[in-house]
């Protein structure tokens, strides 16, 4: 676990199915769209469907008040 450098929230850096790192909130949220688990010593995440029955998590980009300042231009 680490903390967001902008807002100080607890986050984990999870590996996505595409192999990129994503900051994820550590608290489960019923509105979340991600599954979060630990495998082979790393946090992993994937987008889940509406019929998911396990805990749900949110990407930290969705909850951080300073998320816009971290976005990269496309």
N, C-alpha and C. Protein backbone atom coordinates (compact mmCIF):
# COMPACT_ATOMS: atom_id res chain seq x y z
N UNK A 1 0.83 -1.19 0.00
CA UNK A 1 0.00 0.00 0.00
C UNK A 1 0.87 1.24 0.00
N UNK A 2 0.32 2.28 -0.55
CA UNK A 2 1.00 3.57 -0.53
C UNK A 2 -0.06 4.65 -0.38
N UNK A 3 0.38 5.89 -0.41
CA UNK A 3 -0.58 6.99 -0.32
C UNK A 3 -0.49 7.84 -1.57
N UNK A 4 -1.62 8.41 -1.95
CA UNK A 4 -1.69 9.31 -3.10
C UNK A 4 -0.87 10.56 -2.77
N UNK A 5 -0.04 10.98 -3.69
CA UNK A 5 0.79 12.17 -3.46
C UNK A 5 -0.02 13.45 -3.48
N UNK A 6 -1.24 13.42 -3.98
CA UNK A 6 -2.06 14.62 -4.02
C UNK A 6 -2.98 14.74 -2.82
N UNK A 7 -3.74 13.68 -2.54
CA UNK A 7 -4.77 13.79 -1.50
C UNK A 7 -4.47 12.98 -0.24
N UNK A 8 -3.44 12.13 -0.28
CA UNK A 8 -3.05 11.37 0.90
C UNK A 8 -3.87 10.11 1.16
N UNK A 9 -4.78 9.75 0.26
CA UNK A 9 -5.59 8.55 0.44
C UNK A 9 -4.74 7.29 0.30
N UNK A 10 -5.14 6.23 1.00
CA UNK A 10 -4.47 4.95 0.85
C UNK A 10 -4.86 4.33 -0.48
N UNK A 11 -3.86 3.88 -1.23
CA UNK A 11 -4.09 3.25 -2.53
C UNK A 11 -3.16 2.05 -2.67
N UNK A 12 -3.49 1.19 -3.63
CA UNK A 12 -2.56 0.14 -4.05
C UNK A 12 -2.33 0.34 -5.54
N UNK A 13 -1.14 0.02 -5.99
CA UNK A 13 -0.84 0.05 -7.42
C UNK A 13 -1.06 -1.37 -7.92
N UNK A 14 -2.09 -1.54 -8.72
CA UNK A 14 -2.46 -2.87 -9.19
C UNK A 14 -2.14 -3.01 -10.67
N UNK A 15 -1.79 -4.22 -11.06
CA UNK A 15 -1.48 -4.53 -12.45
C UNK A 15 -2.78 -4.88 -13.17
N UNK A 16 -3.05 -4.19 -14.28
CA UNK A 16 -4.26 -4.45 -15.06
C UNK A 16 -4.05 -5.65 -15.97
N UNK A 17 -5.12 -6.12 -16.58
CA UNK A 17 -5.02 -7.23 -17.53
C UNK A 17 -4.13 -6.85 -18.71
N UNK A 18 -4.04 -5.55 -19.02
CA UNK A 18 -3.21 -5.08 -20.11
C UNK A 18 -1.75 -4.86 -19.73
N UNK A 19 -1.41 -5.13 -18.46
CA UNK A 19 -0.03 -5.01 -18.02
C UNK A 19 0.39 -3.64 -17.54
N UNK A 20 -0.57 -2.72 -17.35
CA UNK A 20 -0.24 -1.39 -16.85
C UNK A 20 -0.58 -1.29 -15.37
N UNK A 21 0.05 -0.34 -14.70
CA UNK A 21 -0.21 -0.11 -13.28
C UNK A 21 -1.32 0.93 -13.13
N UNK A 22 -2.24 0.65 -12.21
CA UNK A 22 -3.37 1.55 -11.96
C UNK A 22 -3.51 1.76 -10.46
N UNK A 23 -3.67 3.03 -10.02
CA UNK A 23 -3.93 3.25 -8.60
C UNK A 23 -5.38 2.90 -8.29
N UNK A 24 -5.57 2.10 -7.24
CA UNK A 24 -6.91 1.64 -6.86
C UNK A 24 -7.12 1.97 -5.39
N UNK A 25 -8.32 2.48 -5.06
CA UNK A 25 -8.68 2.74 -3.67
C UNK A 25 -8.68 1.43 -2.89
N UNK A 26 -8.26 1.47 -1.63
CA UNK A 26 -8.17 0.25 -0.83
C UNK A 26 -9.49 -0.13 -0.16
N UNK A 27 -10.42 0.80 -0.08
CA UNK A 27 -11.72 0.52 0.53
C UNK A 27 -12.70 0.03 -0.52
N UNK A 28 -13.38 -1.08 -0.24
CA UNK A 28 -14.41 -1.58 -1.15
C UNK A 28 -15.53 -0.55 -1.25
N UNK A 29 -16.16 -0.49 -2.42
CA UNK A 29 -17.23 0.48 -2.68
C UNK A 29 -18.29 -0.21 -3.54
N UNK A 30 -19.54 -0.23 -3.12
CA UNK A 30 -20.58 -0.91 -3.91
C UNK A 30 -20.74 -0.34 -5.31
N UNK A 31 -20.27 0.87 -5.55
CA UNK A 31 -20.35 1.50 -6.87
C UNK A 31 -19.11 1.19 -7.72
N UNK A 32 -18.16 0.46 -7.18
CA UNK A 32 -16.92 0.18 -7.88
C UNK A 32 -17.10 -0.68 -9.12
N UNK A 33 -16.13 -0.58 -10.01
CA UNK A 33 -16.18 -1.33 -11.27
C UNK A 33 -15.00 -2.29 -11.43
N UNK A 34 -14.23 -2.46 -10.34
CA UNK A 34 -13.02 -3.29 -10.42
C UNK A 34 -13.03 -4.40 -9.37
N UNK A 35 -12.45 -5.54 -9.74
CA UNK A 35 -12.10 -6.58 -8.78
C UNK A 35 -10.65 -6.34 -8.41
N UNK A 36 -10.28 -6.66 -7.19
CA UNK A 36 -8.91 -6.45 -6.71
C UNK A 36 -8.49 -7.68 -5.92
N UNK A 37 -7.32 -8.24 -6.26
CA UNK A 37 -6.82 -9.41 -5.54
C UNK A 37 -5.30 -9.42 -5.61
N UNK A 38 -4.73 -10.27 -4.79
CA UNK A 38 -3.27 -10.40 -4.73
C UNK A 38 -2.89 -11.76 -5.32
N UNK A 39 -1.95 -11.76 -6.24
CA UNK A 39 -1.48 -12.99 -6.87
C UNK A 39 0.01 -12.86 -7.15
N UNK A 40 0.75 -13.89 -6.80
CA UNK A 40 2.18 -13.93 -7.05
C UNK A 40 2.90 -12.70 -6.51
N UNK A 41 2.46 -12.24 -5.33
CA UNK A 41 3.11 -11.12 -4.67
C UNK A 41 2.76 -9.74 -5.20
N UNK A 42 1.79 -9.66 -6.14
CA UNK A 42 1.39 -8.37 -6.71
C UNK A 42 -0.11 -8.19 -6.61
N UNK A 43 -0.54 -6.93 -6.52
CA UNK A 43 -1.96 -6.61 -6.60
C UNK A 43 -2.36 -6.67 -8.07
N UNK A 44 -3.51 -7.25 -8.35
CA UNK A 44 -4.05 -7.36 -9.70
C UNK A 44 -5.45 -6.76 -9.71
N UNK A 45 -5.87 -6.28 -10.87
CA UNK A 45 -7.21 -5.72 -11.00
C UNK A 45 -7.77 -6.00 -12.38
N UNK A 46 -9.09 -6.05 -12.46
CA UNK A 46 -9.75 -6.16 -13.76
C UNK A 46 -11.14 -5.56 -13.65
N UNK A 47 -11.65 -5.11 -14.78
CA UNK A 47 -13.00 -4.57 -14.83
C UNK A 47 -13.98 -5.73 -14.68
N UNK A 48 -15.01 -5.51 -13.88
CA UNK A 48 -15.98 -6.57 -13.62
C UNK A 48 -17.33 -6.24 -14.24
N UNK A 49 -18.14 -7.27 -14.39
CA UNK A 49 -19.47 -7.13 -14.97
C UNK A 49 -20.49 -6.84 -13.86
N UNK A 50 -21.69 -6.47 -14.25
CA UNK A 50 -22.72 -6.12 -13.27
C UNK A 50 -23.16 -7.30 -12.41
N UNK A 51 -22.95 -8.53 -12.86
CA UNK A 51 -23.36 -9.70 -12.07
C UNK A 51 -22.29 -10.16 -11.08
N UNK A 52 -21.24 -9.39 -10.89
CA UNK A 52 -20.16 -9.71 -9.95
C UNK A 52 -20.70 -9.70 -8.52
N UNK A 53 -20.35 -10.71 -7.73
CA UNK A 53 -20.87 -10.81 -6.37
C UNK A 53 -19.81 -10.60 -5.30
N UNK A 54 -18.58 -10.36 -5.67
CA UNK A 54 -17.52 -10.12 -4.70
C UNK A 54 -17.38 -8.63 -4.39
N UNK A 55 -16.39 -8.27 -3.59
CA UNK A 55 -16.15 -6.86 -3.29
C UNK A 55 -15.80 -6.08 -4.56
N UNK A 56 -16.22 -4.83 -4.60
CA UNK A 56 -15.97 -3.94 -5.73
C UNK A 56 -15.07 -2.79 -5.27
N UNK A 57 -14.20 -2.36 -6.16
CA UNK A 57 -13.26 -1.27 -5.85
C UNK A 57 -13.32 -0.23 -6.95
N UNK A 58 -12.85 0.97 -6.63
CA UNK A 58 -12.85 2.06 -7.61
C UNK A 58 -11.42 2.44 -7.96
N UNK A 59 -11.20 2.80 -9.23
CA UNK A 59 -9.88 3.34 -9.57
C UNK A 59 -9.72 4.67 -8.83
N UNK A 60 -8.53 4.94 -8.35
CA UNK A 60 -8.34 6.17 -7.58
C UNK A 60 -8.56 7.42 -8.44
N UNK A 61 -8.42 7.29 -9.75
CA UNK A 61 -8.69 8.43 -10.63
C UNK A 61 -10.13 8.91 -10.47
N UNK A 62 -11.04 8.02 -10.09
CA UNK A 62 -12.45 8.37 -9.96
C UNK A 62 -12.76 9.09 -8.65
N UNK A 63 -11.90 8.97 -7.66
CA UNK A 63 -12.20 9.55 -6.35
C UNK A 63 -11.23 10.65 -5.92
N UNK A 64 -10.09 10.76 -6.55
CA UNK A 64 -9.09 11.76 -6.15
C UNK A 64 -9.52 13.15 -6.59
N UNK A 65 -9.54 14.11 -5.68
CA UNK A 65 -9.92 15.47 -6.06
C UNK A 65 -8.92 16.13 -7.01
N UNK A 66 -7.71 15.61 -7.09
CA UNK A 66 -6.67 16.19 -7.96
C UNK A 66 -6.37 15.33 -9.18
N UNK A 67 -7.27 14.44 -9.55
CA UNK A 67 -7.02 13.49 -10.65
C UNK A 67 -6.67 14.20 -11.96
N UNK A 68 -7.32 15.30 -12.26
CA UNK A 68 -7.06 16.01 -13.52
C UNK A 68 -5.61 16.44 -13.66
N UNK A 69 -4.98 16.79 -12.55
CA UNK A 69 -3.59 17.27 -12.63
C UNK A 69 -2.62 16.14 -12.98
N UNK A 70 -3.04 14.88 -12.85
CA UNK A 70 -2.18 13.75 -13.15
C UNK A 70 -2.42 13.16 -14.53
N UNK A 71 -3.44 13.60 -15.21
CA UNK A 71 -3.76 13.02 -16.52
C UNK A 71 -2.70 13.42 -17.55
N UNK A 72 -2.33 12.45 -18.38
CA UNK A 72 -1.37 12.70 -19.44
C UNK A 72 -2.11 13.10 -20.69
N UNK A 73 -1.55 14.02 -21.47
CA UNK A 73 -2.21 14.38 -22.73
C UNK A 73 -2.19 13.19 -23.70
N UNK A 74 -3.24 13.05 -24.47
CA UNK A 74 -3.31 11.94 -25.44
C UNK A 74 -2.99 12.41 -26.82
